[in-house]
Structures are given as C-alpha cells and as structure tokens.
Amino acid sequence: MTEQYEQRYCIEFCQKLGDIQVETICRIQQAFRDDAMSNSWIKEWYNRFKDGRTSVDSEPRSGRPSTSQNENVMEQSVCKIRTETAHLIQTFVAKHNIPVVHQAPYSPNMALCDFWLFPKLKMLLKGTQFESREDIMWNATARLITIPKDAFQKCFQQWWKRWEKCVHYHGDYFEGD
C-alpha cells in the first residue's frame, strides 16, 4: 500500500517537472521494477495530476461500509473478546485450583476498598509470609483494627468529593483530585 502512494508521489513529481507520460512510465518502471504500477494506472494518475489534482489518496468508494469502522461490528468484537477472556481466566483459575471470591461486578460496597482500603492494608502486610488462610485473615483483621476511625471518615469525605466531581463533569473522564 505504501509503495502505491510512493509511486503516486513520483508520478506527481514527474508531471510537475514537465515529463510526458511515456517518460514518467519509464521512470516508474525503472525505479520500482516488478512492483511498478501498470501503464494504464500510471497514465490515469498522470492525467489526474495534470488536471489539477493534489492528493494521492484514492477517492472514497460507494458500496459496502468498511467492517473495521462499523460501530456495531466493533461492539460485537469487543463483547466476543470479553467473553473469550473471561473463559480463559475461568479455565486458568480452575486448572490451578485458585479459590474465587464471588462478588458482583461494580458492586457499590467494594468501591471504597478499591481506592483506599486495599492499598492501605496491602502496605501494612507487605513482605509478610503466611502459613494458612486463617493466618492471613487473622493478620488482616488485626491490621484493620489498627486503622483509626477518623481515617475511615476522611476516606468517605474524599469519596464524596470525587462523587460530586463526577456529577459536576456529567460522568466525563477526568484525572486528579
């Protein structure tokens, strides 16, 4: 595809230099050899540039719309990819006997944990090895108790500010606090 554009630029260049069609055809065939456009296409593009055309892009064609740009096809592809990814993850989890914690997606009771509690708890437990699930639960609970009440309140206040900002921007994407 890029060679096609290169050849069109070369044809335009030759035409602007005043070469006739026959000279242009010889130059294109000499430069691009077996990959050169056909004589009829070289003549076609030569005449287009001679008539004042400035773009080397092809004209849009009527007919069937491009499936790569059709929103419905793109949406179907994304849904298919999500389904396949979910299936691959389920297979991996089952194969490696990884326990799954069932939680509804986008659950409101997990929102605060996502951006405040889990990272804080993770930092408190970082670098610690545990022998069993019970050890993990006991240590996590002990660390959670050490987090002061006003830290939780501050978290809720920050969450409220983020929520207000989201409403203010009508759900549009933004970064920062």
C-alpha atoms as a PDB file:
ATOM      1  CA  MET A   1       0.000   0.000   0.000  1.00  0.00           C
ATOM      2  CA  THR A   2       2.785   2.466   0.843  1.00  0.00           C
ATOM      3  CA  GLU A   3       4.562   1.686  -2.434  1.00  0.00           C
ATOM      4  CA  GLN A   4       1.365   2.669  -4.208  1.00  0.00           C
ATOM      5  CA  TYR A   5       1.462   6.072  -2.515  1.00  0.00           C
ATOM      6  CA  GLU A   6       5.181   6.429  -3.230  1.00  0.00           C
ATOM      7  CA  GLN A   7       4.563   5.748  -6.912  1.00  0.00           C
ATOM      8  CA  ARG A   8       1.730   8.276  -6.994  1.00  0.00           C
ATOM      9  CA  TYR A   9       4.019  10.911  -5.454  1.00  0.00           C
ATOM     10  CA  CYS A  10       6.651  10.059  -8.060  1.00  0.00           C
ATOM     11  CA  ILE A  11       4.094  10.404 -10.855  1.00  0.00           C
ATOM     12  CA  GLU A  12       3.022  13.776  -9.463  1.00  0.00           C
ATOM     13  CA  PHE A  13       6.667  14.873  -9.239  1.00  0.00           C
ATOM     14  CA  CYS A  14       7.401  13.809 -12.831  1.00  0.00           C
ATOM     15  CA  GLN A  15       4.279  15.577 -14.094  1.00  0.00           C
ATOM     16  CA  LYS A  16       5.243  18.800 -12.278  1.00  0.00           C
ATOM     17  CA  LEU A  17       8.751  18.618 -13.777  1.00  0.00           C
ATOM     18  CA  GLY A  18       7.156  18.553 -17.228  1.00  0.00           C
ATOM     19  CA  ASP A  19       7.865  14.929 -18.139  1.00  0.00           C
ATOM     20  CA  ILE A  20       5.468  13.418 -20.657  1.00  0.00           C
ATOM     21  CA  GLN A  21       3.539  10.224 -19.885  1.00  0.00           C
ATOM     22  CA  VAL A  22       6.000   7.941 -21.679  1.00  0.00           C
ATOM     23  CA  GLU A  23       8.956   9.366 -19.716  1.00  0.00           C
ATOM     24  CA  THR A  24       7.008   9.047 -16.461  1.00  0.00           C
ATOM     25  CA  ILE A  25       6.152   5.405 -17.209  1.00  0.00           C
ATOM     26  CA  CYS A  26       9.829   4.640 -17.930  1.00  0.00           C
ATOM     27  CA  ARG A  27      10.978   6.325 -14.703  1.00  0.00           C
ATOM     28  CA  ILE A  28       8.391   4.499 -12.542  1.00  0.00           C
ATOM     29  CA  GLN A  29       9.276   1.144 -14.136  1.00  0.00           C
ATOM     30  CA  GLN A  30      12.985   1.844 -13.702  1.00  0.00           C
ATOM     31  CA  ALA A  31      12.592   2.824 -10.040  1.00  0.00           C
ATOM     32  CA  PHE A  32      10.076   0.198  -8.896  1.00  0.00           C
ATOM     33  CA  ARG A  33      10.840  -2.612 -11.381  1.00  0.00           C
ATOM     34  CA  ASP A  34       8.474  -5.581 -10.772  1.00  0.00           C
ATOM     35  CA  ASP A  35       6.454  -3.639  -8.181  1.00  0.00           C
ATOM     36  CA  ALA A  36       5.631  -0.814 -10.591  1.00  0.00           C
ATOM     37  CA  MET A  37       2.022   0.122 -11.289  1.00  0.00           C
ATOM     38  CA  SER A  38       0.556  -0.893 -14.617  1.00  0.00           C
ATOM     39  CA  ASN A  39       0.957   1.518 -17.536  1.00  0.00           C
ATOM     40  CA  SER A  40      -2.760   2.288 -17.537  1.00  0.00           C
ATOM     41  CA  TRP A  41      -2.715   3.277 -13.846  1.00  0.00           C
ATOM     42  CA  ILE A  42       0.371   5.429 -14.332  1.00  0.00           C
ATOM     43  CA  LYS A  43      -1.403   7.204 -17.211  1.00  0.00           C
ATOM     44  CA  GLU A  44      -4.576   7.567 -15.109  1.00  0.00           C
ATOM     45  CA  TRP A  45      -2.728   9.184 -12.188  1.00  0.00           C
ATOM     46  CA  TYR A  46      -0.602  11.309 -14.537  1.00  0.00           C
ATOM     47  CA  ASN A  47      -3.770  12.746 -16.092  1.00  0.00           C
ATOM     48  CA  ARG A  48      -5.337  13.331 -12.668  1.00  0.00           C
ATOM     49  CA  PHE A  49      -2.320  15.384 -11.550  1.00  0.00           C
ATOM     50  CA  LYS A  50      -2.240  17.169 -14.904  1.00  0.00           C
ATOM     51  CA  ASP A  51      -5.903  18.158 -14.375  1.00  0.00           C
ATOM     52  CA  GLY A  52      -5.006  19.785 -11.046  1.00  0.00           C
ATOM     53  CA  ARG A  53      -5.401  17.029  -8.506  1.00  0.00           C
ATOM     54  CA  THR A  54      -3.165  17.483  -5.453  1.00  0.00           C
ATOM     55  CA  SER A  55      -3.976  14.447  -3.301  1.00  0.00           C
ATOM     56  CA  VAL A  56      -2.501  10.976  -3.791  1.00  0.00           C
ATOM     57  CA  ASP A  57      -5.311   9.366  -1.772  1.00  0.00           C
ATOM     58  CA  SER A  58      -7.907   7.233  -3.515  1.00  0.00           C
ATOM     59  CA  GLU A  59     -11.434   8.563  -3.752  1.00  0.00           C
ATOM     60  CA  PRO A  60     -13.927   7.077  -1.297  1.00  0.00           C
ATOM     61  CA  ARG A  61     -15.906   4.299  -2.925  1.00  0.00           C
ATOM     62  CA  SER A  62     -19.594   3.622  -2.597  1.00  0.00           C
ATOM     63  CA  GLY A  63     -20.832   0.226  -1.565  1.00  0.00           C
ATOM     64  CA  ARG A  64     -20.482  -1.889   1.496  1.00  0.00           C
ATOM     65  CA  PRO A  65     -19.179   0.048   4.526  1.00  0.00           C
ATOM     66  CA  SER A  66     -15.853  -0.940   5.988  1.00  0.00           C
ATOM     67  CA  THR A  67     -16.464  -3.535   8.686  1.00  0.00           C
ATOM     68  CA  SER A  68     -13.466  -2.348  10.678  1.00  0.00           C
ATOM     69  CA  GLN A  69     -15.111   1.039  11.203  1.00  0.00           C
ATOM     70  CA  ASN A  70     -18.698  -0.092  11.648  1.00  0.00           C
ATOM     71  CA  GLU A  71     -19.675   0.582  15.290  1.00  0.00           C
ATOM     72  CA  ASN A  72     -21.946  -2.473  15.512  1.00  0.00           C
ATOM     73  CA  VAL A  73     -19.174  -4.800  14.357  1.00  0.00           C
ATOM     74  CA  MET A  74     -16.709  -3.199  16.750  1.00  0.00           C
ATOM     75  CA  GLU A  75     -19.123  -3.600  19.675  1.00  0.00           C
ATOM     76  CA  GLN A  76     -19.692  -7.260  18.780  1.00  0.00           C
ATOM     77  CA  SER A  77     -15.928  -7.817  18.582  1.00  0.00           C
ATOM     78  CA  VAL A  78     -15.358  -6.245  21.994  1.00  0.00           C
ATOM     79  CA  CYS A  79     -18.118  -8.398  23.534  1.00  0.00           C
ATOM     80  CA  LYS A  80     -16.621 -11.511  21.934  1.00  0.00           C
ATOM     81  CA  ILE A  81     -13.148 -10.658  23.241  1.00  0.00           C
ATOM     82  CA  ARG A  82     -14.510 -10.073  26.756  1.00  0.00           C
ATOM     83  CA  THR A  83     -16.315 -13.417  26.683  1.00  0.00           C
ATOM     84  CA  GLU A  84     -13.214 -15.259  25.462  1.00  0.00           C
ATOM     85  CA  THR A  85     -11.033 -13.529  28.068  1.00  0.00           C
ATOM     86  CA  ALA A  86     -13.462 -14.431  30.857  1.00  0.00           C
ATOM     87  CA  HIS A  87     -13.471 -18.048  29.663  1.00  0.00           C
ATOM     88  CA  LEU A  88      -9.656 -18.161  29.589  1.00  0.00           C
ATOM     89  CA  ILE A  89      -9.474 -16.767  33.119  1.00  0.00           C
ATOM     90  CA  GLN A  90     -12.044 -19.270  34.406  1.00  0.00           C
ATOM     91  CA  THR A  91     -10.087 -22.119  32.806  1.00  0.00           C
ATOM     92  CA  PHE A  92      -6.812 -20.891  34.319  1.00  0.00           C
ATOM     93  CA  VAL A  93      -8.360 -20.486  37.789  1.00  0.00           C
ATOM     94  CA  ALA A  94      -9.878 -23.979  37.656  1.00  0.00           C
ATOM     95  CA  LYS A  95      -6.654 -25.558  36.365  1.00  0.00           C
ATOM     96  CA  HIS A  96      -4.536 -24.041  39.146  1.00  0.00           C
ATOM     97  CA  ASN A  97      -7.112 -24.540  41.940  1.00  0.00           C
ATOM     98  CA  ILE A  98      -7.267 -20.832  42.739  1.00  0.00           C
ATOM     99  CA  PRO A  99     -10.143 -20.024  45.112  1.00  0.00           C
ATOM    100  CA  VAL A 100     -12.597 -17.482  43.702  1.00  0.00           C
ATOM    101  CA  VAL A 101     -14.258 -14.819  45.840  1.00  0.00           C
ATOM    102  CA  HIS A 102     -17.679 -14.221  44.308  1.00  0.00           C
ATOM    103  CA  GLN A 103     -18.585 -10.539  44.177  1.00  0.00           C
ATOM    104  CA  ALA A 104     -20.983  -8.730  41.884  1.00  0.00           C
ATOM    105  CA  PRO A 105     -19.141  -6.615  39.293  1.00  0.00           C
ATOM    106  CA  TYR A 106     -19.059  -2.891  40.065  1.00  0.00           C
ATOM    107  CA  SER A 107     -20.537  -3.593  43.465  1.00  0.00           C
ATOM    108  CA  PRO A 108     -21.012  -0.367  45.423  1.00  0.00           C
ATOM    109  CA  ASN A 109     -19.807  -1.983  48.645  1.00  0.00           C
ATOM    110  CA  MET A 110     -16.393  -2.586  47.026  1.00  0.00           C
ATOM    111  CA  ALA A 111     -15.854   0.927  45.678  1.00  0.00           C
ATOM    112  CA  LEU A 112     -14.155   2.339  48.774  1.00  0.00           C
ATOM    113  CA  CYS A 113     -11.975  -0.718  49.154  1.00  0.00           C
ATOM    114  CA  ASP A 114     -10.730  -0.378  45.606  1.00  0.00           C
ATOM    115  CA  PHE A 115      -9.119   3.031  46.004  1.00  0.00           C
ATOM    116  CA  TRP A 116      -8.345   3.280  49.722  1.00  0.00           C
ATOM    117  CA  LEU A 117      -8.655   0.266  51.982  1.00  0.00           C
ATOM    118  CA  PHE A 118      -6.983  -2.477  49.919  1.00  0.00           C
ATOM    119  CA  PRO A 119      -3.842  -0.469  49.117  1.00  0.00           C
ATOM    120  CA  LYS A 120      -3.556   0.621  52.758  1.00  0.00           C
ATOM    121  CA  LEU A 121      -3.994  -2.948  54.034  1.00  0.00           C
ATOM    122  CA  LYS A 122      -1.607  -4.254  51.397  1.00  0.00           C
ATOM    123  CA  MET A 123       1.111  -1.832  52.556  1.00  0.00           C
ATOM    124  CA  LEU A 124       0.627  -2.943  56.181  1.00  0.00           C
ATOM    125  CA  LEU A 125       1.011  -6.626  55.231  1.00  0.00           C
ATOM    126  CA  LYS A 126       3.723  -6.149  52.582  1.00  0.00           C
ATOM    127  CA  GLY A 127       6.630  -8.595  52.828  1.00  0.00           C
ATOM    128  CA  THR A 128       4.876 -10.899  55.309  1.00  0.00           C
ATOM    129  CA  GLN A 129       4.584 -14.638  54.571  1.00  0.00           C
ATOM    130  CA  PHE A 130       1.594 -16.578  55.943  1.00  0.00           C
ATOM    131  CA  GLU A 131       1.221 -20.305  56.536  1.00  0.00           C
ATOM    132  CA  SER A 132      -2.538 -20.601  56.049  1.00  0.00           C
ATOM    133  CA  ARG A 133      -5.705 -18.765  55.125  1.00  0.00           C
ATOM    134  CA  GLU A 134      -6.561 -18.405  58.793  1.00  0.00           C
ATOM    135  CA  ASP A 135      -3.240 -16.619  59.403  1.00  0.00           C
ATOM    136  CA  ILE A 136      -4.000 -14.213  56.577  1.00  0.00           C
ATOM    137  CA  MET A 137      -7.493 -13.499  57.909  1.00  0.00           C
ATOM    138  CA  TRP A 138      -6.261 -13.054  61.492  1.00  0.00           C
ATOM    139  CA  ASN A 139      -3.405 -10.703  60.478  1.00  0.00           C
ATOM    140  CA  ALA A 140      -5.585  -8.710  58.080  1.00  0.00           C
ATOM    141  CA  THR A 141      -8.245  -8.269  60.773  1.00  0.00           C
ATOM    142  CA  ALA A 142      -5.615  -7.207  63.312  1.00  0.00           C
ATOM    143  CA  ARG A 143      -4.187  -4.627  60.887  1.00  0.00           C
ATOM    144  CA  LEU A 144      -7.667  -3.325  60.000  1.00  0.00           C
ATOM    145  CA  ILE A 145      -8.370  -2.681  63.675  1.00  0.00           C
ATOM    146  CA  THR A 146      -5.235  -0.504  63.879  1.00  0.00           C
ATOM    147  CA  ILE A 147      -6.573   1.893  61.215  1.00  0.00           C
ATOM    148  CA  PRO A 148      -8.121   4.842  63.111  1.00  0.00           C
ATOM    149  CA  LYS A 149     -11.813   5.689  62.792  1.00  0.00           C
ATOM    150  CA  ASP A 150     -11.098   9.212  61.513  1.00  0.00           C
ATOM    151  CA  ALA A 151      -9.074   7.711  58.629  1.00  0.00           C
ATOM    152  CA  PHE A 152     -12.222   5.873  57.511  1.00  0.00           C
ATOM    153  CA  GLN A 153     -14.239   9.093  57.880  1.00  0.00           C
ATOM    154  CA  LYS A 154     -11.682  11.002  55.805  1.00  0.00           C
ATOM    155  CA  CYS A 155     -11.926   8.283  53.166  1.00  0.00           C
ATOM    156  CA  PHE A 156     -15.690   8.725  52.958  1.00  0.00           C
ATOM    157  CA  GLN A 157     -15.274  12.513  52.680  1.00  0.00           C
ATOM    158  CA  GLN A 158     -12.818  12.072  49.806  1.00  0.00           C
ATOM    159  CA  TRP A 159     -15.200   9.626  48.186  1.00  0.00           C
ATOM    160  CA  TRP A 160     -17.985  12.214  48.492  1.00  0.00           C
ATOM    161  CA  LYS A 161     -15.777  14.871  46.827  1.00  0.00           C
ATOM    162  CA  ARG A 162     -14.973  12.501  43.959  1.00  0.00           C
ATOM    163  CA  TRP A 163     -18.647  11.704  43.552  1.00  0.00           C
ATOM    164  CA  GLU A 164     -19.527  15.417  43.416  1.00  0.00           C
ATOM    165  CA  LYS A 165     -16.804  15.995  40.821  1.00  0.00           C
ATOM    166  CA  CYS A 166     -18.127  13.111  38.726  1.00  0.00           C
ATOM    167  CA  VAL A 167     -21.632  14.610  38.835  1.00  0.00           C
ATOM    168  CA  HIS A 168     -20.231  18.065  38.019  1.00  0.00           C
ATOM    169  CA  TYR A 169     -18.479  16.721  34.892  1.00  0.00           C
ATOM    170  CA  HIS A 170     -21.561  14.676  33.903  1.00  0.00           C
ATOM    171  CA  GLY A 171     -19.611  11.406  34.101  1.00  0.00           C
ATOM    172  CA  ASP A 172     -16.935  12.528  31.617  1.00  0.00           C
ATOM    173  CA  TYR A 173     -13.392  11.310  32.146  1.00  0.00           C
ATOM    174  CA  PHE A 174     -11.064  13.467  34.228  1.00  0.00           C
ATOM    175  CA  GLU A 175      -7.834  12.933  36.137  1.00  0.00           C
ATOM    176  CA  GLY A 176      -6.632  14.106  39.513  1.00  0.00           C
ATOM    177  CA  ASP A 177      -8.307  15.185  42.697  1.00  0.00           C
END
